[in-house]
């Protein structure tokens, strides 16, 4: 898949990792990153594996409160 949703997801994924590194804390994904991941997952072709980044974000779902101010 090569559309703007994937590029936006990848940008947010890496920004969340960068922010965690700046604060020397574990990564917590933003609500936007989760939403983009969900959108991609719903549209992902059945015959293709999701990306490792999507797998990581999905593994975080429900593990912490979302910061809606982000």
PDB file of N, CA and C in Angstrom:
ATOM      1  N   UNK A   1       0.862  -1.175   0.000  1.00  0.00           N
ATOM      2  CA  UNK A   1       0.000   0.000   0.000  1.00  0.00           C
ATOM      3  C   UNK A   1       0.903   1.231   0.000  1.00  0.00           C
ATOM      4  N   UNK A   2       0.604   2.177  -0.823  1.00  0.00           N
ATOM      5  CA  UNK A   2       1.431   3.369  -0.897  1.00  0.00           C
ATOM      6  C   UNK A   2       0.587   4.618  -1.003  1.00  0.00           C
ATOM      7  N   UNK A   3      -0.192   4.890   0.017  1.00  0.00           N
ATOM      8  CA  UNK A   3      -0.995   6.107  -0.049  1.00  0.00           C
ATOM      9  C   UNK A   3      -0.641   7.055   1.094  1.00  0.00           C
ATOM     10  N   UNK A   4      -1.266   8.196   1.078  1.00  0.00           N
ATOM     11  CA  UNK A   4      -0.948   9.244   2.053  1.00  0.00           C
ATOM     12  C   UNK A   4      -1.213   8.801   3.487  1.00  0.00           C
ATOM     13  N   UNK A   5      -2.189   7.924   3.701  1.00  0.00           N
ATOM     14  CA  UNK A   5      -2.452   7.446   5.063  1.00  0.00           C
ATOM     15  C   UNK A   5      -1.250   6.696   5.624  1.00  0.00           C
ATOM     16  N   UNK A   6      -0.604   5.894   4.789  1.00  0.00           N
ATOM     17  CA  UNK A   6       0.569   5.148   5.235  1.00  0.00           C
ATOM     18  C   UNK A   6       1.703   6.103   5.551  1.00  0.00           C
ATOM     19  N   UNK A   7       1.924   7.093   4.706  1.00  0.00           N
ATOM     20  CA  UNK A   7       2.996   8.064   4.948  1.00  0.00           C
ATOM     21  C   UNK A   7       2.724   8.872   6.210  1.00  0.00           C
ATOM     22  N   UNK A   8       1.465   9.268   6.409  1.00  0.00           N
ATOM     23  CA  UNK A   8       1.107  10.019   7.616  1.00  0.00           C
ATOM     24  C   UNK A   8       1.307   9.149   8.856  1.00  0.00           C
ATOM     25  N   UNK A   9       0.903   7.882   8.770  1.00  0.00           N
ATOM     26  CA  UNK A   9       1.098   6.963   9.886  1.00  0.00           C
ATOM     27  C   UNK A   9       2.577   6.825  10.218  1.00  0.00           C
ATOM     28  N   UNK A  10       3.404   6.604   9.190  1.00  0.00           N
ATOM     29  CA  UNK A  10       4.840   6.429   9.427  1.00  0.00           C
ATOM     30  C   UNK A  10       5.456   7.685  10.053  1.00  0.00           C
ATOM     31  N   UNK A  11       5.040   8.853   9.606  1.00  0.00           N
ATOM     32  CA  UNK A  11       5.559  10.104  10.177  1.00  0.00           C
ATOM     33  C   UNK A  11       5.182  10.192  11.656  1.00  0.00           C
ATOM     34  N   UNK A  12       3.936   9.908  11.985  1.00  0.00           N
ATOM     35  CA  UNK A  12       3.491   9.992  13.379  1.00  0.00           C
ATOM     36  C   UNK A  12       4.135   8.917  14.236  1.00  0.00           C
ATOM     37  N   UNK A  13       4.293   7.723  13.696  1.00  0.00           N
ATOM     38  CA  UNK A  13       4.948   6.633  14.416  1.00  0.00           C
ATOM     39  C   UNK A  13       6.359   7.059  14.833  1.00  0.00           C
ATOM     40  N   UNK A  14       7.109   7.584  13.888  1.00  0.00           N
ATOM     41  CA  UNK A  14       8.487   7.986  14.180  1.00  0.00           C
ATOM     42  C   UNK A  14       8.535   9.224  15.074  1.00  0.00           C
ATOM     43  N   UNK A  15       7.590  10.130  14.940  1.00  0.00           N
ATOM     44  CA  UNK A  15       7.525  11.303  15.825  1.00  0.00           C
ATOM     45  C   UNK A  15       7.246  10.862  17.265  1.00  0.00           C
ATOM     46  N   UNK A  16       6.365   9.882  17.450  1.00  0.00           N
ATOM     47  CA  UNK A  16       6.088   9.371  18.796  1.00  0.00           C
ATOM     48  C   UNK A  16       7.336   8.736  19.403  1.00  0.00           C
ATOM     49  N   UNK A  17       8.091   7.992  18.603  1.00  0.00           N
ATOM     50  CA  UNK A  17       9.345   7.415  19.088  1.00  0.00           C
ATOM     51  C   UNK A  17      10.357   8.508  19.419  1.00  0.00           C
ATOM     52  N   UNK A  18      10.442   9.524  18.582  1.00  0.00           N
ATOM     53  CA  UNK A  18      11.367  10.631  18.817  1.00  0.00           C
ATOM     54  C   UNK A  18      11.009  11.358  20.114  1.00  0.00           C
ATOM     55  N   UNK A  19       9.734  11.640  20.316  1.00  0.00           N
ATOM     56  CA  UNK A  19       9.315  12.335  21.537  1.00  0.00           C
ATOM     57  C   UNK A  19       9.637  11.518  22.779  1.00  0.00           C
ATOM     58  N   UNK A  20       9.444  10.220  22.719  1.00  0.00           N
ATOM     59  CA  UNK A  20       9.774   9.364  23.857  1.00  0.00           C
ATOM     60  C   UNK A  20      11.276   9.407  24.135  1.00  0.00           C
ATOM     61  N   UNK A  21      12.085   9.391  23.090  1.00  0.00           N
ATOM     62  CA  UNK A  21      13.542   9.426  23.264  1.00  0.00           C
ATOM     63  C   UNK A  21      13.981  10.755  23.874  1.00  0.00           C
ATOM     64  N   UNK A  22      13.378  11.847  23.445  1.00  0.00           N
ATOM     65  CA  UNK A  22      13.723  13.166  23.987  1.00  0.00           C
ATOM     66  C   UNK A  22      13.443  13.207  25.489  1.00  0.00           C
ATOM     67  N   UNK A  23      12.345  12.573  25.903  1.00  0.00           N
ATOM     68  CA  UNK A  23      11.950  12.595  27.321  1.00  0.00           C
ATOM     69  C   UNK A  23      12.472  11.387  28.097  1.00  0.00           C
ATOM     70  N   UNK A  24      13.291  10.562  27.445  1.00  0.00           N
ATOM     71  CA  UNK A  24      13.856   9.363  28.090  1.00  0.00           C
ATOM     72  C   UNK A  24      12.767   8.516  28.743  1.00  0.00           C
ATOM     73  N   UNK A  25      11.696   8.288  28.005  1.00  0.00           N
ATOM     74  CA  UNK A  25      10.574   7.514  28.529  1.00  0.00           C
ATOM     75  C   UNK A  25      10.124   6.496  27.485  1.00  0.00           C
ATOM     76  N   UNK A  26       9.357   5.518  27.916  1.00  0.00           N
ATOM     77  CA  UNK A  26       8.846   4.534  26.958  1.00  0.00           C
ATOM     78  C   UNK A  26       7.909   5.214  25.955  1.00  0.00           C
ATOM     79  N   UNK A  27       7.865   4.686  24.768  1.00  0.00           N
ATOM     80  CA  UNK A  27       6.989   5.269  23.756  1.00  0.00           C
ATOM     81  C   UNK A  27       5.525   5.047  24.127  1.00  0.00           C
ATOM     82  N   UNK A  28       4.753   6.091  23.951  1.00  0.00           N
ATOM     83  CA  UNK A  28       3.296   6.032  24.049  1.00  0.00           C
ATOM     84  C   UNK A  28       2.785   6.691  22.782  1.00  0.00           C
ATOM     85  N   UNK A  29       2.013   5.943  22.032  1.00  0.00           N
ATOM     86  CA  UNK A  29       1.549   6.457  20.753  1.00  0.00           C
ATOM     87  C   UNK A  29       0.391   7.426  20.940  1.00  0.00           C
ATOM     88  N   UNK A  30       0.330   8.402  20.049  1.00  0.00           N
ATOM     89  CA  UNK A  30      -0.705   9.431  20.113  1.00  0.00           C
ATOM     90  C   UNK A  30      -2.030   8.884  19.589  1.00  0.00           C
ATOM     91  N   UNK A  31      -3.132   9.537  19.959  1.00  0.00           N
ATOM     92  CA  UNK A  31      -4.431   9.128  19.419  1.00  0.00           C
ATOM     93  C   UNK A  31      -4.449   9.157  17.886  1.00  0.00           C
ATOM     94  N   UNK A  32      -3.765  10.119  17.284  1.00  0.00           N
ATOM     95  CA  UNK A  32      -3.718  10.190  15.829  1.00  0.00           C
ATOM     96  C   UNK A  32      -2.992   8.981  15.239  1.00  0.00           C
ATOM     97  N   UNK A  33      -1.907   8.563  15.857  1.00  0.00           N
ATOM     98  CA  UNK A  33      -1.179   7.390  15.381  1.00  0.00           C
ATOM     99  C   UNK A  33      -2.065   6.147  15.458  1.00  0.00           C
ATOM    100  N   UNK A  34      -2.788   5.999  16.570  1.00  0.00           N
ATOM    101  CA  UNK A  34      -3.709   4.865  16.701  1.00  0.00           C
ATOM    102  C   UNK A  34      -4.798   4.919  15.629  1.00  0.00           C
ATOM    103  N   UNK A  35      -5.343   6.095  15.411  1.00  0.00           N
ATOM    104  CA  UNK A  35      -6.432   6.238  14.430  1.00  0.00           C
ATOM    105  C   UNK A  35      -5.942   5.913  13.020  1.00  0.00           C
ATOM    106  N   UNK A  36      -4.775   6.434  12.655  1.00  0.00           N
ATOM    107  CA  UNK A  36      -4.224   6.134  11.339  1.00  0.00           C
ATOM    108  C   UNK A  36      -3.956   4.641  11.185  1.00  0.00           C
ATOM    109  N   UNK A  37      -3.448   4.020  12.231  1.00  0.00           N
ATOM    110  CA  UNK A  37      -3.189   2.578  12.189  1.00  0.00           C
ATOM    111  C   UNK A  37      -4.487   1.805  11.982  1.00  0.00           C
ATOM    112  N   UNK A  38      -5.536   2.198  12.695  1.00  0.00           N
ATOM    113  CA  UNK A  38      -6.830   1.526  12.540  1.00  0.00           C
ATOM    114  C   UNK A  38      -7.363   1.668  11.116  1.00  0.00           C
ATOM    115  N   UNK A  39      -7.253   2.886  10.569  1.00  0.00           N
ATOM    116  CA  UNK A  39      -7.717   3.127   9.198  1.00  0.00           C
ATOM    117  C   UNK A  39      -6.949   2.256   8.201  1.00  0.00           C
ATOM    118  N   UNK A  40      -5.635   2.207   8.372  1.00  0.00           N
ATOM    119  CA  UNK A  40      -4.811   1.385   7.483  1.00  0.00           C
ATOM    120  C   UNK A  40      -5.165  -0.093   7.616  1.00  0.00           C
ATOM    121  N   UNK A  41      -5.325  -0.549   8.863  1.00  0.00           N
ATOM    122  CA  UNK A  41      -5.615  -1.961   9.105  1.00  0.00           C
ATOM    123  C   UNK A  41      -6.908  -2.375   8.405  1.00  0.00           C
ATOM    124  N   UNK A  42      -7.920  -1.512   8.474  1.00  0.00           N
ATOM    125  CA  UNK A  42      -9.208  -1.821   7.834  1.00  0.00           C
ATOM    126  C   UNK A  42      -9.081  -1.918   6.316  1.00  0.00           C
ATOM    127  N   UNK A  43      -8.186  -1.119   5.724  1.00  0.00           N
ATOM    128  CA  UNK A  43      -8.042  -1.091   4.269  1.00  0.00           C
ATOM    129  C   UNK A  43      -6.931  -2.013   3.754  1.00  0.00           C
ATOM    130  N   UNK A  44      -6.192  -2.640   4.681  1.00  0.00           N
ATOM    131  CA  UNK A  44      -5.026  -3.431   4.284  1.00  0.00           C
ATOM    132  C   UNK A  44      -5.453  -4.664   3.492  1.00  0.00           C
ATOM    133  N   UNK A  45      -4.756  -4.967   2.400  1.00  0.00           N
ATOM    134  CA  UNK A  45      -5.091  -6.166   1.613  1.00  0.00           C
ATOM    135  C   UNK A  45      -4.958  -7.446   2.453  1.00  0.00           C
ATOM    136  N   UNK A  46      -5.915  -8.331   2.320  1.00  0.00           N
ATOM    137  CA  UNK A  46      -5.925  -9.574   3.101  1.00  0.00           C
ATOM    138  C   UNK A  46      -4.718 -10.458   2.816  1.00  0.00           C
ATOM    139  N   UNK A  47      -4.163 -10.346   1.619  1.00  0.00           N
ATOM    140  CA  UNK A  47      -3.055 -11.220   1.251  1.00  0.00           C
ATOM    141  C   UNK A  47      -1.682 -10.637   1.578  1.00  0.00           C
ATOM    142  N   UNK A  48      -1.653  -9.496   2.293  1.00  0.00           N
ATOM    143  CA  UNK A  48      -0.385  -8.869   2.681  1.00  0.00           C
ATOM    144  C   UNK A  48      -0.296  -8.757   4.201  1.00  0.00           C
ATOM    145  N   UNK A  49       0.901  -8.992   4.738  1.00  0.00           N
ATOM    146  CA  UNK A  49       1.138  -8.792   6.165  1.00  0.00           C
ATOM    147  C   UNK A  49       1.188  -7.299   6.453  1.00  0.00           C
ATOM    148  N   UNK A  50       0.707  -6.912   7.633  1.00  0.00           N
ATOM    149  CA  UNK A  50       0.829  -5.515   8.032  1.00  0.00           C
ATOM    150  C   UNK A  50       2.292  -5.211   8.329  1.00  0.00           C
ATOM    151  N   UNK A  51       2.633  -3.932   8.387  1.00  0.00           N
ATOM    152  CA  UNK A  51       4.016  -3.554   8.655  1.00  0.00           C
ATOM    153  C   UNK A  51       4.368  -3.815  10.116  1.00  0.00           C
ATOM    154  N   UNK A  52       5.650  -3.901  10.403  1.00  0.00           N
ATOM    155  CA  UNK A  52       6.088  -4.102  11.793  1.00  0.00           C
ATOM    156  C   UNK A  52       5.676  -2.903  12.646  1.00  0.00           C
ATOM    157  N   UNK A  53       5.679  -1.709  12.058  1.00  0.00           N
ATOM    158  CA  UNK A  53       5.252  -0.514  12.797  1.00  0.00           C
ATOM    159  C   UNK A  53       3.778  -0.613  13.176  1.00  0.00           C
ATOM    160  N   UNK A  54       2.955  -1.057  12.250  1.00  0.00           N
ATOM    161  CA  UNK A  54       1.537  -1.236  12.565  1.00  0.00           C
ATOM    162  C   UNK A  54       1.358  -2.281  13.659  1.00  0.00           C
ATOM    163  N   UNK A  55       2.113  -3.354  13.588  1.00  0.00           N
ATOM    164  CA  UNK A  55       2.033  -4.394  14.616  1.00  0.00           C
ATOM    165  C   UNK A  55       2.397  -3.858  15.989  1.00  0.00           C
ATOM    166  N   UNK A  56       3.429  -3.006  16.042  1.00  0.00           N
ATOM    167  CA  UNK A  56       3.827  -2.424  17.322  1.00  0.00           C
ATOM    168  C   UNK A  56       2.731  -1.530  17.875  1.00  0.00           C
ATOM    169  N   UNK A  57       2.160  -0.678  17.030  1.00  0.00           N
ATOM    170  CA  UNK A  57       1.099   0.221  17.487  1.00  0.00           C
ATOM    171  C   UNK A  57      -0.105  -0.584  17.953  1.00  0.00           C
ATOM    172  N   UNK A  58      -0.488  -1.592  17.196  1.00  0.00           N
ATOM    173  CA  UNK A  58      -1.636  -2.413  17.596  1.00  0.00           C
ATOM    174  C   UNK A  58      -1.376  -3.129  18.922  1.00  0.00           C
ATOM    175  N   UNK A  59      -0.121  -3.476  19.200  1.00  0.00           N
ATOM    176  CA  UNK A  59       0.195  -4.146  20.462  1.00  0.00           C
ATOM    177  C   UNK A  59       0.066  -3.205  21.660  1.00  0.00           C
ATOM    178  N   UNK A  60       0.036  -1.902  21.419  1.00  0.00           N
ATOM    179  CA  UNK A  60      -0.098  -0.918  22.493  1.00  0.00           C
ATOM    180  C   UNK A  60      -1.563  -0.556  22.769  1.00  0.00           C
ATOM    181  N   UNK A  61      -2.466  -0.933  21.894  1.00  0.00           N
ATOM    182  CA  UNK A  61      -3.857  -0.523  22.045  1.00  0.00           C
ATOM    183  C   UNK A  61      -4.438  -1.025  23.357  1.00  0.00           C
ATOM    184  N   UNK A  62      -5.026  -0.082  24.101  1.00  0.00           N
ATOM    185  CA  UNK A  62      -5.676  -0.398  25.367  1.00  0.00           C
ATOM    186  C   UNK A  62      -4.745  -0.532  26.559  1.00  0.00           C
ATOM    187  N   UNK A  63      -3.443  -0.302  26.374  1.00  0.00           N
ATOM    188  CA  UNK A  63      -2.490  -0.493  27.477  1.00  0.00           C
ATOM    189  C   UNK A  63      -2.268   0.761  28.318  1.00  0.00           C
ATOM    190  N   UNK A  64      -2.731   1.924  27.841  1.00  0.00           N
ATOM    191  CA  UNK A  64      -2.588   3.166  28.608  1.00  0.00           C
ATOM    192  C   UNK A  64      -3.644   4.164  28.140  1.00  0.00           C
ATOM    193  N   UNK A  65      -3.912   5.137  29.022  1.00  0.00           N
ATOM    194  CA  UNK A  65      -4.851   6.187  28.666  1.00  0.00           C
ATOM    195  C   UNK A  65      -4.262   7.041  27.555  1.00  0.00           C
ATOM    196  N   UNK A  66      -5.113   7.437  26.633  1.00  0.00           N
ATOM    197  CA  UNK A  66      -4.664   8.284  25.538  1.00  0.00           C
ATOM    198  C   UNK A  66      -4.607   9.735  25.986  1.00  0.00           C
ATOM    199  N   UNK A  67      -3.579  10.422  25.544  1.00  0.00           N
ATOM    200  CA  UNK A  67      -3.417  11.849  25.822  1.00  0.00           C
ATOM    201  C   UNK A  67      -4.148  12.609  24.729  1.00  0.00           C
ATOM    202  N   UNK A  68      -5.392  12.986  24.994  1.00  0.00           N
ATOM    203  CA  UNK A  68      -6.206  13.634  23.978  1.00  0.00           C
ATOM    204  C   UNK A  68      -5.758  15.065  23.678  1.00  0.00           C
ATOM    205  N   UNK A  69      -4.810  15.578  24.457  1.00  0.00           N
ATOM    206  CA  UNK A  69      -4.264  16.902  24.206  1.00  0.00           C
ATOM    207  C   UNK A  69      -3.156  16.896  23.175  1.00  0.00           C
ATOM    208  N   UNK A  70      -2.793  15.730  22.691  1.00  0.00           N
ATOM    209  CA  UNK A  70      -1.711  15.628  21.707  1.00  0.00           C
ATOM    210  C   UNK A  70      -2.235  15.782  20.316  1.00  0.00           C
TER     211      UNK A  70
END
